Amino acid sequence: MSKHGKVFVIPCSGIGKALGTVGRVAMYEVIEKLRSNEATTTCLPLLTIGDEAVLKLVRNNHCVSIDGCPTQCARKNIEASQGKLTASFMVTDTLRENRSLKPEAVIELGPKGSKLASILAQKIAEKIDEINCR
């Protein structure tokens, strides 16, 4: 763990949306594999309803949002909660840079969607490294 504590990687809920699933898969890859000692997550709905424990976490730790669509629910909820939003990622930006990696479906992303999630996860992991070097 860094001197800053763990970085909270918070994806949008994106239920029923393939790009929301890409964001969640990327988050799990980061917190379980790529940066398991430096990153964790918390529940976006608890943040949205103002759960005191979650509010304290996002206000006292660096946060990275992942959003699947332009509504940017994760980013906006971190900001509205006065959280320490340090970085924000849009799945659509990563898809735009990798147009051939369109997810197949919401539940089963397929090989291309999984690759898209891994590319996004790597970008997030690199951002966590930058945060921890500050």
N, C-alpha and C. Protein backbone atom coordinates (compact mmCIF):
# COMPACT_ATOMS: atom_id res chain seq x y z
N MET A 1 0.84 -1.18 0.00
CA MET A 1 0.00 0.00 0.00
C MET A 1 0.89 1.24 0.00
N SER A 2 0.42 2.28 -0.66
CA SER A 2 1.20 3.50 -0.76
C SER A 2 1.07 4.33 0.52
N LYS A 3 1.84 5.39 0.57
CA LYS A 3 1.77 6.32 1.70
C LYS A 3 0.43 7.06 1.73
N HIS A 4 -0.32 7.00 0.62
CA HIS A 4 -1.61 7.68 0.52
C HIS A 4 -2.77 6.79 0.92
N GLY A 5 -2.54 5.53 1.23
CA GLY A 5 -3.63 4.58 1.43
C GLY A 5 -4.04 4.00 0.10
N LYS A 6 -5.05 3.19 0.12
CA LYS A 6 -5.50 2.57 -1.13
C LYS A 6 -6.29 3.56 -1.98
N VAL A 7 -6.14 3.43 -3.27
CA VAL A 7 -6.90 4.23 -4.23
C VAL A 7 -8.23 3.50 -4.46
N PHE A 8 -9.33 4.23 -4.39
CA PHE A 8 -10.64 3.64 -4.61
C PHE A 8 -11.01 3.76 -6.08
N VAL A 9 -11.21 2.62 -6.73
CA VAL A 9 -11.61 2.56 -8.13
C VAL A 9 -13.11 2.28 -8.14
N ILE A 10 -13.87 3.26 -8.63
CA ILE A 10 -15.33 3.18 -8.52
C ILE A 10 -15.95 3.23 -9.92
N PRO A 11 -16.51 2.10 -10.37
CA PRO A 11 -17.16 2.08 -11.67
C PRO A 11 -18.63 2.46 -11.58
N CYS A 12 -19.19 2.87 -12.71
CA CYS A 12 -20.63 3.11 -12.77
C CYS A 12 -21.34 1.77 -12.59
N SER A 13 -22.61 1.84 -12.29
CA SER A 13 -23.38 0.60 -12.16
C SER A 13 -23.61 0.00 -13.55
N GLY A 14 -24.02 0.80 -14.49
CA GLY A 14 -24.13 0.37 -15.88
C GLY A 14 -24.84 -0.95 -16.09
N ILE A 15 -25.81 -1.25 -15.25
CA ILE A 15 -26.52 -2.51 -15.36
C ILE A 15 -27.26 -2.56 -16.69
N GLY A 16 -27.09 -3.65 -17.40
CA GLY A 16 -27.76 -3.82 -18.68
C GLY A 16 -27.05 -3.15 -19.84
N LYS A 17 -25.86 -2.62 -19.61
CA LYS A 17 -25.10 -1.94 -20.66
C LYS A 17 -23.73 -2.60 -20.81
N ALA A 18 -23.37 -2.95 -22.02
CA ALA A 18 -22.10 -3.64 -22.26
C ALA A 18 -20.91 -2.80 -21.81
N LEU A 19 -20.94 -1.49 -22.02
CA LEU A 19 -19.79 -0.67 -21.63
C LEU A 19 -19.70 -0.51 -20.12
N GLY A 20 -20.83 -0.60 -19.43
CA GLY A 20 -20.80 -0.64 -17.97
C GLY A 20 -20.14 -1.92 -17.48
N THR A 21 -20.43 -3.02 -18.16
CA THR A 21 -19.79 -4.29 -17.82
C THR A 21 -18.29 -4.22 -18.07
N VAL A 22 -17.88 -3.60 -19.16
CA VAL A 22 -16.46 -3.43 -19.45
C VAL A 22 -15.79 -2.68 -18.29
N GLY A 23 -16.42 -1.62 -17.82
CA GLY A 23 -15.87 -0.84 -16.71
C GLY A 23 -15.73 -1.66 -15.45
N ARG A 24 -16.75 -2.45 -15.13
CA ARG A 24 -16.69 -3.28 -13.92
C ARG A 24 -15.62 -4.35 -14.04
N VAL A 25 -15.52 -4.98 -15.21
CA VAL A 25 -14.49 -6.01 -15.42
C VAL A 25 -13.10 -5.38 -15.29
N ALA A 26 -12.91 -4.19 -15.84
CA ALA A 26 -11.63 -3.50 -15.72
C ALA A 26 -11.31 -3.21 -14.26
N MET A 27 -12.31 -2.76 -13.50
CA MET A 27 -12.11 -2.48 -12.08
C MET A 27 -11.65 -3.73 -11.34
N TYR A 28 -12.34 -4.85 -11.57
CA TYR A 28 -11.95 -6.09 -10.90
C TYR A 28 -10.54 -6.52 -11.28
N GLU A 29 -10.17 -6.35 -12.53
CA GLU A 29 -8.81 -6.70 -12.95
C GLU A 29 -7.78 -5.86 -12.20
N VAL A 30 -8.09 -4.58 -12.01
CA VAL A 30 -7.18 -3.70 -11.29
C VAL A 30 -7.07 -4.10 -9.82
N ILE A 31 -8.21 -4.23 -9.15
CA ILE A 31 -8.16 -4.44 -7.69
C ILE A 31 -7.81 -5.87 -7.29
N GLU A 32 -8.02 -6.83 -8.20
CA GLU A 32 -7.73 -8.22 -7.86
C GLU A 32 -6.39 -8.71 -8.42
N LYS A 33 -5.93 -8.13 -9.51
CA LYS A 33 -4.72 -8.64 -10.17
C LYS A 33 -3.61 -7.61 -10.31
N LEU A 34 -3.92 -6.50 -10.98
CA LEU A 34 -2.87 -5.56 -11.35
C LEU A 34 -2.33 -4.74 -10.18
N ARG A 35 -3.22 -4.27 -9.31
CA ARG A 35 -2.79 -3.41 -8.19
C ARG A 35 -3.54 -3.80 -6.91
N SER A 36 -3.54 -5.08 -6.59
CA SER A 36 -4.33 -5.56 -5.45
C SER A 36 -3.88 -4.97 -4.11
N ASN A 37 -2.63 -4.58 -4.00
CA ASN A 37 -2.15 -3.98 -2.75
C ASN A 37 -2.37 -2.47 -2.69
N GLU A 38 -2.64 -1.86 -3.84
CA GLU A 38 -2.76 -0.41 -3.90
C GLU A 38 -4.17 0.09 -4.16
N ALA A 39 -5.07 -0.80 -4.58
CA ALA A 39 -6.40 -0.35 -5.00
C ALA A 39 -7.50 -1.22 -4.40
N THR A 40 -8.65 -0.61 -4.25
CA THR A 40 -9.84 -1.30 -3.78
C THR A 40 -11.05 -0.59 -4.39
N THR A 41 -12.23 -0.97 -3.98
CA THR A 41 -13.44 -0.33 -4.50
C THR A 41 -14.44 -0.18 -3.37
N THR A 42 -15.50 0.52 -3.67
CA THR A 42 -16.63 0.63 -2.76
C THR A 42 -17.89 0.68 -3.60
N CYS A 43 -19.01 0.57 -2.95
CA CYS A 43 -20.30 0.47 -3.61
C CYS A 43 -20.83 1.85 -4.02
N LEU A 44 -20.99 2.07 -5.31
CA LEU A 44 -21.50 3.35 -5.81
C LEU A 44 -22.89 3.68 -5.27
N PRO A 45 -23.83 2.73 -5.22
CA PRO A 45 -25.13 3.08 -4.65
C PRO A 45 -25.06 3.57 -3.19
N LEU A 46 -24.16 3.00 -2.39
CA LEU A 46 -24.00 3.49 -1.02
C LEU A 46 -23.48 4.92 -1.00
N LEU A 47 -22.60 5.22 -1.93
CA LEU A 47 -22.11 6.60 -2.05
C LEU A 47 -23.26 7.52 -2.45
N THR A 48 -24.06 7.06 -3.40
CA THR A 48 -25.17 7.86 -3.90
C THR A 48 -26.18 8.20 -2.81
N ILE A 49 -26.44 7.27 -1.90
CA ILE A 49 -27.42 7.54 -0.84
C ILE A 49 -26.80 8.23 0.38
N GLY A 50 -25.49 8.48 0.32
CA GLY A 50 -24.84 9.22 1.40
C GLY A 50 -24.45 8.41 2.61
N ASP A 51 -24.17 7.12 2.42
CA ASP A 51 -23.71 6.28 3.53
C ASP A 51 -22.46 6.91 4.17
N GLU A 52 -22.52 7.16 5.47
CA GLU A 52 -21.44 7.88 6.16
C GLU A 52 -20.08 7.19 6.04
N ALA A 53 -20.04 5.88 6.17
CA ALA A 53 -18.77 5.16 6.08
C ALA A 53 -18.15 5.30 4.68
N VAL A 54 -18.97 5.20 3.66
CA VAL A 54 -18.49 5.33 2.28
C VAL A 54 -18.08 6.77 2.00
N LEU A 55 -18.85 7.73 2.48
CA LEU A 55 -18.48 9.14 2.31
C LEU A 55 -17.11 9.41 2.90
N LYS A 56 -16.86 8.88 4.07
CA LYS A 56 -15.56 9.07 4.73
C LYS A 56 -14.44 8.48 3.87
N LEU A 57 -14.67 7.30 3.31
CA LEU A 57 -13.66 6.66 2.47
C LEU A 57 -13.30 7.51 1.25
N VAL A 58 -14.32 7.99 0.53
CA VAL A 58 -14.04 8.74 -0.70
C VAL A 58 -13.50 10.13 -0.42
N ARG A 59 -13.77 10.65 0.75
CA ARG A 59 -13.24 11.97 1.11
C ARG A 59 -11.80 11.90 1.60
N ASN A 60 -11.41 10.75 2.12
CA ASN A 60 -10.07 10.61 2.71
C ASN A 60 -9.09 9.82 1.86
N ASN A 61 -9.51 9.35 0.69
CA ASN A 61 -8.64 8.57 -0.18
C ASN A 61 -8.80 9.03 -1.62
N HIS A 62 -7.75 8.83 -2.40
CA HIS A 62 -7.83 9.14 -3.82
C HIS A 62 -8.86 8.23 -4.46
N CYS A 63 -9.61 8.77 -5.42
CA CYS A 63 -10.64 8.00 -6.13
C CYS A 63 -10.42 8.11 -7.63
N VAL A 64 -10.71 7.01 -8.30
CA VAL A 64 -10.69 6.95 -9.76
C VAL A 64 -12.07 6.47 -10.19
N SER A 65 -12.72 7.23 -11.06
CA SER A 65 -14.03 6.82 -11.55
C SER A 65 -13.88 6.15 -12.91
N ILE A 66 -14.81 5.22 -13.17
CA ILE A 66 -14.91 4.58 -14.48
C ILE A 66 -16.37 4.70 -14.90
N ASP A 67 -16.61 5.35 -16.02
CA ASP A 67 -17.97 5.52 -16.52
C ASP A 67 -18.13 4.91 -17.90
N GLY A 68 -19.27 4.26 -18.11
CA GLY A 68 -19.53 3.61 -19.39
C GLY A 68 -20.25 4.50 -20.40
N CYS A 69 -20.83 5.59 -19.92
CA CYS A 69 -21.57 6.46 -20.85
C CYS A 69 -21.39 7.92 -20.45
N PRO A 70 -21.84 8.83 -21.29
CA PRO A 70 -21.67 10.27 -21.02
C PRO A 70 -22.38 10.80 -19.79
N THR A 71 -23.29 10.03 -19.20
CA THR A 71 -23.97 10.47 -17.99
C THR A 71 -22.98 10.60 -16.84
N GLN A 72 -21.93 9.80 -16.85
CA GLN A 72 -20.82 9.84 -15.88
C GLN A 72 -21.29 9.80 -14.43
N CYS A 73 -22.10 8.81 -14.11
CA CYS A 73 -22.65 8.68 -12.75
C CYS A 73 -21.57 8.50 -11.69
N ALA A 74 -20.57 7.70 -11.97
CA ALA A 74 -19.52 7.47 -10.96
C ALA A 74 -18.78 8.77 -10.67
N ARG A 75 -18.33 9.45 -11.71
CA ARG A 75 -17.59 10.71 -11.52
C ARG A 75 -18.44 11.74 -10.79
N LYS A 76 -19.67 11.92 -11.25
CA LYS A 76 -20.54 12.93 -10.66
C LYS A 76 -20.87 12.64 -9.20
N ASN A 77 -21.05 11.37 -8.86
CA ASN A 77 -21.36 11.03 -7.47
C ASN A 77 -20.16 11.21 -6.56
N ILE A 78 -18.97 10.93 -7.05
CA ILE A 78 -17.77 11.19 -6.24
C ILE A 78 -17.63 12.69 -6.00
N GLU A 79 -17.80 13.47 -7.06
CA GLU A 79 -17.70 14.93 -6.92
C GLU A 79 -18.78 15.48 -6.00
N ALA A 80 -20.01 15.02 -6.16
CA ALA A 80 -21.12 15.52 -5.33
C ALA A 80 -20.92 15.17 -3.85
N SER A 81 -20.18 14.10 -3.61
CA SER A 81 -19.91 13.66 -2.22
C SER A 81 -18.66 14.31 -1.65
N GLN A 82 -18.08 15.24 -2.40
CA GLN A 82 -16.84 15.91 -2.02
C GLN A 82 -15.69 14.92 -1.85
N GLY A 83 -15.70 13.89 -2.70
CA GLY A 83 -14.64 12.90 -2.69
C GLY A 83 -13.40 13.42 -3.39
N LYS A 84 -12.30 12.73 -3.17
CA LYS A 84 -11.02 13.09 -3.78
C LYS A 84 -10.91 12.45 -5.16
N LEU A 85 -11.62 13.00 -6.14
CA LEU A 85 -11.55 12.47 -7.50
C LEU A 85 -10.21 12.85 -8.11
N THR A 86 -9.38 11.87 -8.31
CA THR A 86 -8.04 12.11 -8.81
C THR A 86 -7.94 11.82 -10.30
N ALA A 87 -8.76 10.90 -10.79
CA ALA A 87 -8.76 10.56 -12.22
C ALA A 87 -10.13 10.04 -12.60
N SER A 88 -10.47 10.22 -13.87
CA SER A 88 -11.76 9.78 -14.38
C SER A 88 -11.54 9.13 -15.74
N PHE A 89 -12.12 7.95 -15.94
CA PHE A 89 -11.99 7.23 -17.20
C PHE A 89 -13.36 6.99 -17.80
N MET A 90 -13.43 7.12 -19.12
CA MET A 90 -14.63 6.82 -19.88
C MET A 90 -14.36 5.60 -20.74
N VAL A 91 -15.18 4.57 -20.59
CA VAL A 91 -15.02 3.36 -21.40
C VAL A 91 -15.12 3.71 -22.88
N THR A 92 -15.99 4.66 -23.21
CA THR A 92 -16.16 5.03 -24.61
C THR A 92 -14.87 5.60 -25.21
N ASP A 93 -14.06 6.27 -24.42
CA ASP A 93 -12.78 6.78 -24.93
C ASP A 93 -11.85 5.63 -25.29
N THR A 94 -11.80 4.63 -24.44
CA THR A 94 -10.94 3.47 -24.72
C THR A 94 -11.47 2.70 -25.93
N LEU A 95 -12.78 2.59 -26.06
CA LEU A 95 -13.37 1.94 -27.23
C LEU A 95 -13.05 2.73 -28.49
N ARG A 96 -13.13 4.05 -28.42
CA ARG A 96 -12.82 4.90 -29.57
C ARG A 96 -11.38 4.68 -30.04
N GLU A 97 -10.48 4.47 -29.10
CA GLU A 97 -9.06 4.22 -29.43
C GLU A 97 -8.83 2.80 -29.93
N ASN A 98 -9.79 1.91 -29.70
CA ASN A 98 -9.66 0.49 -30.05
C ASN A 98 -10.96 0.01 -30.68
N ARG A 99 -11.32 0.61 -31.79
CA ARG A 99 -12.63 0.37 -32.42
C ARG A 99 -12.92 -1.08 -32.75
N SER A 100 -11.92 -1.88 -32.93
CA SER A 100 -12.14 -3.28 -33.29
C SER A 100 -12.49 -4.15 -32.08
N LEU A 101 -12.47 -3.57 -30.88
CA LEU A 101 -12.69 -4.36 -29.66
C LEU A 101 -14.07 -4.13 -29.05
N LYS A 102 -15.08 -4.15 -29.86
CA LYS A 102 -16.45 -3.93 -29.37
C LYS A 102 -16.94 -5.17 -28.61
N PRO A 103 -17.49 -4.97 -27.42
CA PRO A 103 -18.02 -6.10 -26.65
C PRO A 103 -19.17 -6.78 -27.39
N GLU A 104 -19.29 -8.10 -27.19
CA GLU A 104 -20.34 -8.86 -27.88
C GLU A 104 -21.71 -8.68 -27.22
N ALA A 105 -21.75 -8.71 -25.89
CA ALA A 105 -23.03 -8.63 -25.19
C ALA A 105 -22.79 -8.13 -23.77
N VAL A 106 -23.87 -7.89 -23.05
CA VAL A 106 -23.79 -7.36 -21.69
C VAL A 106 -23.19 -8.38 -20.73
N ILE A 107 -23.67 -9.60 -20.76
CA ILE A 107 -23.23 -10.63 -19.81
C ILE A 107 -21.89 -11.22 -20.25
N GLU A 108 -21.80 -11.59 -21.48
CA GLU A 108 -20.58 -12.23 -22.01
C GLU A 108 -19.92 -11.26 -22.98
N LEU A 109 -18.86 -10.61 -22.51
CA LEU A 109 -18.20 -9.59 -23.34
C LEU A 109 -17.54 -10.17 -24.57
N GLY A 110 -17.16 -11.44 -24.52
CA GLY A 110 -16.43 -12.06 -25.61
C GLY A 110 -14.97 -11.66 -25.56
N PRO A 111 -14.15 -12.26 -26.41
CA PRO A 111 -12.71 -11.97 -26.39
C PRO A 111 -12.37 -10.51 -26.65
N LYS A 112 -13.08 -9.88 -27.57
CA LYS A 112 -12.78 -8.48 -27.89
C LYS A 112 -13.16 -7.56 -26.73
N GLY A 113 -14.32 -7.77 -26.15
CA GLY A 113 -14.74 -6.96 -25.00
C GLY A 113 -13.84 -7.15 -23.80
N SER A 114 -13.40 -8.39 -23.60
CA SER A 114 -12.48 -8.68 -22.50
C SER A 114 -11.13 -8.00 -22.72
N LYS A 115 -10.68 -7.97 -23.95
CA LYS A 115 -9.43 -7.28 -24.28
C LYS A 115 -9.58 -5.78 -24.05
N LEU A 116 -10.72 -5.23 -24.41
CA LEU A 116 -10.99 -3.82 -24.17
C LEU A 116 -10.91 -3.51 -22.67
N ALA A 117 -11.51 -4.38 -21.86
CA ALA A 117 -11.47 -4.20 -20.41
C ALA A 117 -10.04 -4.27 -19.89
N SER A 118 -9.23 -5.16 -20.43
CA SER A 118 -7.83 -5.28 -19.99
C SER A 118 -7.01 -4.04 -20.36
N ILE A 119 -7.27 -3.49 -21.53
CA ILE A 119 -6.57 -2.25 -21.93
C ILE A 119 -6.94 -1.12 -20.97
N LEU A 120 -8.23 -1.00 -20.66
CA LEU A 120 -8.67 0.03 -19.72
C LEU A 120 -8.07 -0.22 -18.34
N ALA A 121 -8.04 -1.46 -17.89
CA ALA A 121 -7.46 -1.80 -16.59
C ALA A 121 -6.00 -1.39 -16.52
N GLN A 122 -5.27 -1.60 -17.59
CA GLN A 122 -3.85 -1.23 -17.61
C GLN A 122 -3.69 0.29 -17.49
N LYS A 123 -4.55 1.05 -18.16
CA LYS A 123 -4.50 2.52 -18.06
C LYS A 123 -4.78 2.96 -16.62
N ILE A 124 -5.74 2.33 -15.99
CA ILE A 124 -6.08 2.67 -14.61
C ILE A 124 -4.93 2.32 -13.68
N ALA A 125 -4.33 1.15 -13.89
CA ALA A 125 -3.18 0.74 -13.07
C ALA A 125 -2.03 1.73 -13.19
N GLU A 126 -1.78 2.21 -14.40
CA GLU A 126 -0.72 3.21 -14.60
C GLU A 126 -1.05 4.52 -13.88
N LYS A 127 -2.33 4.90 -13.88
CA LYS A 127 -2.74 6.12 -13.18
C LYS A 127 -2.55 5.93 -11.67
N ILE A 128 -2.85 4.75 -11.16
CA ILE A 128 -2.62 4.48 -9.73
C ILE A 128 -1.14 4.59 -9.40
N ASP A 129 -0.29 4.12 -10.28
CA ASP A 129 1.15 4.27 -10.07
C ASP A 129 1.52 5.75 -9.98
N GLU A 130 0.96 6.58 -10.86
CA GLU A 130 1.23 8.03 -10.81
C GLU A 130 0.75 8.63 -9.50
N ILE A 131 -0.41 8.26 -9.06
CA ILE A 131 -0.97 8.77 -7.81
C ILE A 131 -0.05 8.42 -6.64
N ASN A 132 0.44 7.21 -6.64
CA ASN A 132 1.26 6.74 -5.54
C ASN A 132 2.68 7.31 -5.56
N CYS A 133 3.08 7.90 -6.68
CA CYS A 133 4.40 8.53 -6.77
C CYS A 133 4.37 9.97 -6.29
N ARG A 134 3.19 10.51 -6.04
CA ARG A 134 3.06 11.92 -5.62
C ARG A 134 3.52 12.10 -4.19
